[in-house]
């Protein structure tokens, strides 16, 4: 079984929105998170979806599930105090739905809507072949490693990639790693590939596009809208 865990537990303080978390901002008549979920909903290899959502917004998310016929959503669960704990709640729900077997779980940001069906397929294929998939895009600028304000190392750009999402794993393996991290007092790992790397798990790269942005700031929102419009216009030519 291939199941997507879409986490959208953040309030979006950097977006400076007045009354809505960023994942529920509207673009062309749909909330951002619906744009994201629809890519998984329409993918023939995705069997189910779990959404981890801000608890107070679960009724609204349930309304969106009905309005947009997102019938692959199997469960909507509350988000956690951190991104990692929101992901854990989603993974735990996925394990309840399909059991703790070697199913493929694709972990994705609810505010990263510019993914493609091809990228989802590549993630599933990578997990089946290598046991993991970390979607990455080329680094467009030079990466430096620092000690406080001093540059310790300049990393060759050809050796640098930017980790994005989905980040995909065997469900049983990532569930066990998440439980171990929480037992070890680690509850705020920046993303799942960081957590899996911490426990020595091998990670396989899946190459994706730089357009696969995470909408965190107003500038990201405008970029998403521009790319979305450009993609729509391409269909009319």
Protein backbone atom coordinates (compact mmCIF):
# COMPACT_ATOMS: atom_id res chain seq x y z
CA UNK A 1 0.00 0.00 0.00
CA UNK A 2 1.21 3.51 -0.83
CA UNK A 3 -0.03 6.11 1.62
CA UNK A 4 0.66 9.85 1.75
CA UNK A 5 1.01 11.72 5.03
CA UNK A 6 0.32 15.42 4.44
CA UNK A 7 1.22 17.54 7.44
CA UNK A 8 -0.17 21.03 7.89
CA UNK A 9 0.01 21.66 11.61
CA UNK A 10 1.72 25.08 11.52
CA UNK A 11 0.10 28.47 12.06
CA UNK A 12 2.20 30.27 9.43
CA UNK A 13 3.44 33.19 11.52
CA UNK A 14 6.00 34.18 8.88
CA UNK A 15 3.18 34.59 6.35
CA UNK A 16 1.63 37.38 8.47
CA UNK A 17 -1.90 36.24 7.65
CA UNK A 18 -4.71 37.86 9.61
CA UNK A 19 -7.28 35.16 10.04
CA UNK A 20 -6.15 31.94 8.33
CA UNK A 21 -3.19 29.58 8.63
CA UNK A 22 -1.11 29.67 5.44
CA UNK A 23 -2.26 26.21 4.27
CA UNK A 24 -5.83 27.50 3.98
CA UNK A 25 -5.07 30.65 1.97
CA UNK A 26 -7.01 30.65 -1.29
CA UNK A 27 -5.45 30.46 -4.76
CA UNK A 28 -7.86 30.31 -7.70
CA UNK A 29 -10.75 29.34 -5.48
CA UNK A 30 -9.02 26.54 -3.56
CA UNK A 31 -7.00 26.46 -0.34
CA UNK A 32 -3.30 25.77 -0.86
CA UNK A 33 -3.57 22.46 0.98
CA UNK A 34 -6.31 21.29 -1.41
CA UNK A 35 -4.03 22.03 -4.38
CA UNK A 36 -1.43 19.84 -2.65
CA UNK A 37 -3.74 16.99 -1.74
CA UNK A 38 -5.30 16.85 -5.21
CA UNK A 39 -1.97 15.81 -6.75
CA UNK A 40 -1.96 12.75 -4.48
CA UNK A 41 -5.72 12.24 -4.84
CA UNK A 42 -5.40 12.02 -8.62
CA UNK A 43 -2.34 9.76 -8.64
CA UNK A 44 -3.22 6.14 -9.52
CA UNK A 45 -0.51 4.67 -7.28
CA UNK A 46 -1.66 6.44 -4.10
CA UNK A 47 -4.03 4.26 -2.08
CA UNK A 48 -4.75 6.54 0.85
CA UNK A 49 -4.01 9.92 2.41
CA UNK A 50 -3.66 11.05 6.03
CA UNK A 51 -3.76 14.75 6.88
CA UNK A 52 -2.28 16.14 10.10
CA UNK A 53 -3.99 19.48 10.65
CA UNK A 54 -4.24 22.22 13.27
CA UNK A 55 -6.84 20.80 15.64
CA UNK A 56 -9.15 23.83 15.60
CA UNK A 57 -9.20 23.69 11.79
CA UNK A 58 -10.11 20.01 11.45
CA UNK A 59 -13.83 20.76 10.87
CA UNK A 60 -12.84 23.12 8.03
CA UNK A 61 -10.50 20.48 6.59
CA UNK A 62 -13.36 17.96 6.73
CA UNK A 63 -15.53 20.43 4.84
CA UNK A 64 -12.81 20.77 2.18
CA UNK A 65 -12.56 16.98 1.98
CA UNK A 66 -16.26 16.81 1.14
CA UNK A 67 -16.39 19.88 -1.12
CA UNK A 68 -13.51 18.77 -3.35
CA UNK A 69 -14.31 15.04 -3.24
CA UNK A 70 -10.98 14.08 -1.67
CA UNK A 71 -12.12 10.55 -1.07
CA UNK A 72 -8.62 9.08 -0.67
CA UNK A 73 -8.31 10.90 2.67
CA UNK A 74 -8.65 8.09 5.20
CA UNK A 75 -8.06 10.11 8.34
CA UNK A 76 -7.58 13.71 9.52
CA UNK A 77 -5.64 13.93 12.78
CA UNK A 78 -4.51 16.83 14.98
CA UNK A 79 -1.07 18.24 14.39
CA UNK A 80 1.55 18.25 17.13
CA UNK A 81 3.51 20.93 18.95
CA UNK A 82 6.30 20.67 16.35
CA UNK A 83 6.51 19.67 12.71
CA UNK A 84 8.09 16.38 13.73
CA UNK A 85 5.24 15.58 16.10
CA UNK A 86 2.68 16.46 13.44
CA UNK A 87 4.40 13.98 11.13
CA UNK A 88 4.46 11.40 13.91
CA UNK A 89 0.70 11.75 14.41
CA UNK A 90 0.19 11.23 10.68
CA UNK A 91 2.50 8.22 10.54
CA UNK A 92 0.80 6.67 13.55
CA UNK A 93 -2.58 7.10 11.85
CA UNK A 94 -1.18 5.53 8.67
CA UNK A 95 0.03 2.54 10.69
CA UNK A 96 -3.46 2.18 12.20
CA UNK A 97 -5.00 2.22 8.73
CA UNK A 98 -2.77 -0.26 6.93
CA UNK A 99 -0.73 -1.96 9.65
CA UNK A 100 2.97 -1.68 10.40
CA UNK A 101 4.16 -3.50 7.30
CA UNK A 102 6.64 -2.44 4.67
CA UNK A 103 4.15 -0.11 3.03
CA UNK A 104 5.43 3.02 1.31
CA UNK A 105 4.69 6.28 3.13
CA UNK A 106 5.27 9.59 1.37
CA UNK A 107 5.67 12.46 3.85
CA UNK A 108 4.82 15.82 2.34
CA UNK A 109 4.25 19.44 3.38
CA UNK A 110 0.70 20.65 2.98
CA UNK A 111 2.12 23.96 1.76
CA UNK A 112 4.23 22.44 -1.00
CA UNK A 113 1.64 22.22 -3.81
CA UNK A 114 3.88 22.34 -6.90
CA UNK A 115 4.73 18.65 -6.87
CA UNK A 116 4.06 16.47 -9.89
CA UNK A 117 2.69 13.01 -10.51
CA UNK A 118 6.09 12.03 -11.90
CA UNK A 119 7.79 13.00 -8.64
CA UNK A 120 5.33 10.91 -6.63
CA UNK A 121 6.01 7.92 -8.90
CA UNK A 122 9.77 8.43 -8.57
CA UNK A 123 9.48 8.45 -4.77
CA UNK A 124 7.49 5.21 -4.72
CA UNK A 125 9.93 3.55 -7.11
CA UNK A 126 12.93 4.66 -5.02
CA UNK A 127 11.49 3.29 -1.78
CA UNK A 128 10.73 -0.02 -3.46
CA UNK A 129 14.27 -0.24 -4.86
CA UNK A 130 16.40 1.45 -2.19
CA UNK A 131 14.24 1.71 0.93
CA UNK A 132 14.01 5.50 0.96
CA UNK A 133 13.54 8.60 -1.17
CA UNK A 134 14.58 12.15 -0.34
CA UNK A 135 13.42 14.61 -2.98
CA UNK A 136 16.20 17.10 -3.70
CA UNK A 137 16.80 20.04 -6.01
CA UNK A 138 20.10 21.55 -7.15
CA UNK A 139 21.65 24.22 -4.94
CA UNK A 140 21.57 27.47 -6.91
CA UNK A 141 24.06 29.25 -4.67
CA UNK A 142 27.20 28.24 -2.81
CA UNK A 143 26.69 26.48 0.53
CA UNK A 144 29.08 27.28 3.39
CA UNK A 145 29.45 25.50 6.73
CA UNK A 146 30.09 27.82 9.65
CA UNK A 147 31.23 27.95 13.27
CA UNK A 148 29.33 30.93 14.65
CA UNK A 149 30.40 33.76 12.30
CA UNK A 150 33.39 32.01 10.77
CA UNK A 151 33.25 29.98 7.57
CA UNK A 152 34.57 26.51 8.33
CA UNK A 153 34.12 24.99 4.88
CA UNK A 154 32.93 26.04 1.45
CA UNK A 155 31.03 23.16 -0.08
CA UNK A 156 31.42 22.50 -3.79
CA UNK A 157 28.15 23.39 -5.44
CA UNK A 158 28.26 20.24 -7.56
CA UNK A 159 28.15 18.26 -4.29
CA UNK A 160 25.26 20.29 -2.82
CA UNK A 161 21.55 19.61 -3.08
CA UNK A 162 18.56 21.15 -1.27
CA UNK A 163 16.31 18.63 0.50
CA UNK A 164 12.64 19.15 -0.27
CA UNK A 165 9.61 16.82 -0.19
CA UNK A 166 8.16 14.26 -0.46
CA UNK A 167 10.50 12.33 1.82
CA UNK A 168 9.46 8.72 1.59
CA UNK A 169 10.23 5.53 3.52
CA UNK A 170 9.02 2.11 4.53
CA UNK A 171 6.22 2.78 6.99
CA UNK A 172 7.43 0.34 9.64
CA UNK A 173 10.98 1.74 9.55
CA UNK A 174 10.09 5.41 9.83
CA UNK A 175 7.46 4.70 12.50
CA UNK A 176 10.03 2.90 14.65
CA UNK A 177 12.58 5.68 14.12
CA UNK A 178 10.02 8.30 15.11
CA UNK A 179 9.11 6.42 18.29
CA UNK A 180 12.81 6.02 19.14
CA UNK A 181 13.43 9.73 18.63
CA UNK A 182 10.58 10.68 20.95
CA UNK A 183 11.84 8.22 23.56
CA UNK A 184 15.27 9.86 23.24
CA UNK A 185 13.76 13.31 23.80
CA UNK A 186 14.12 14.40 20.17
CA UNK A 187 10.87 16.05 19.14
CA UNK A 188 11.87 18.95 16.90
CA UNK A 189 14.01 17.45 14.12
CA UNK A 190 13.85 19.77 11.12
CA UNK A 191 12.60 17.06 8.76
CA UNK A 192 12.29 13.31 8.47
CA UNK A 193 15.47 12.74 6.47
CA UNK A 194 17.40 14.49 9.28
CA UNK A 195 15.79 12.16 11.81
CA UNK A 196 16.49 9.05 9.74
CA UNK A 197 20.09 10.15 9.15
CA UNK A 198 20.52 10.63 12.91
CA UNK A 199 19.77 6.93 13.36
CA UNK A 200 22.10 5.86 10.58
CA UNK A 201 19.46 4.99 7.98
CA UNK A 202 20.59 5.08 4.34
CA UNK A 203 18.99 7.82 2.26
CA UNK A 204 18.53 7.75 -1.50
CA UNK A 205 18.20 10.91 -3.59
CA UNK A 206 15.29 11.52 -5.95
CA UNK A 207 15.90 14.51 -8.18
CA UNK A 208 13.13 17.07 -8.34
CA UNK A 209 12.50 20.59 -9.54
CA UNK A 210 13.44 23.87 -7.88
CA UNK A 211 9.83 24.91 -8.51
CA UNK A 212 8.78 22.52 -5.73
CA UNK A 213 8.76 25.35 -3.18
CA UNK A 214 7.41 25.43 0.35
CA UNK A 215 5.06 28.36 0.88
CA UNK A 216 6.33 30.00 4.04
CA UNK A 217 6.49 33.74 3.31
CA UNK A 218 4.39 36.21 1.28
CA UNK A 219 7.08 36.04 -1.42
CA UNK A 220 6.60 32.26 -1.65
CA UNK A 221 2.85 32.76 -1.99
CA UNK A 222 3.29 35.14 -4.94
CA UNK A 223 5.83 32.78 -6.53
CA UNK A 224 3.40 29.85 -6.26
CA UNK A 225 0.61 31.86 -7.80
CA UNK A 226 2.85 32.97 -10.68
CA UNK A 227 4.07 29.42 -11.41
CA UNK A 228 0.52 28.07 -11.13
CA UNK A 229 -0.72 30.67 -13.62
CA UNK A 230 2.17 29.91 -15.98
CA UNK A 231 1.35 26.19 -15.91
CA UNK A 232 -2.31 26.95 -16.60
CA UNK A 233 -1.42 29.20 -19.52
CA UNK A 234 0.77 26.47 -21.08
CA UNK A 235 -2.34 24.32 -21.45
CA UNK A 236 -3.99 26.99 -23.59
CA UNK A 237 -1.21 27.30 -26.17
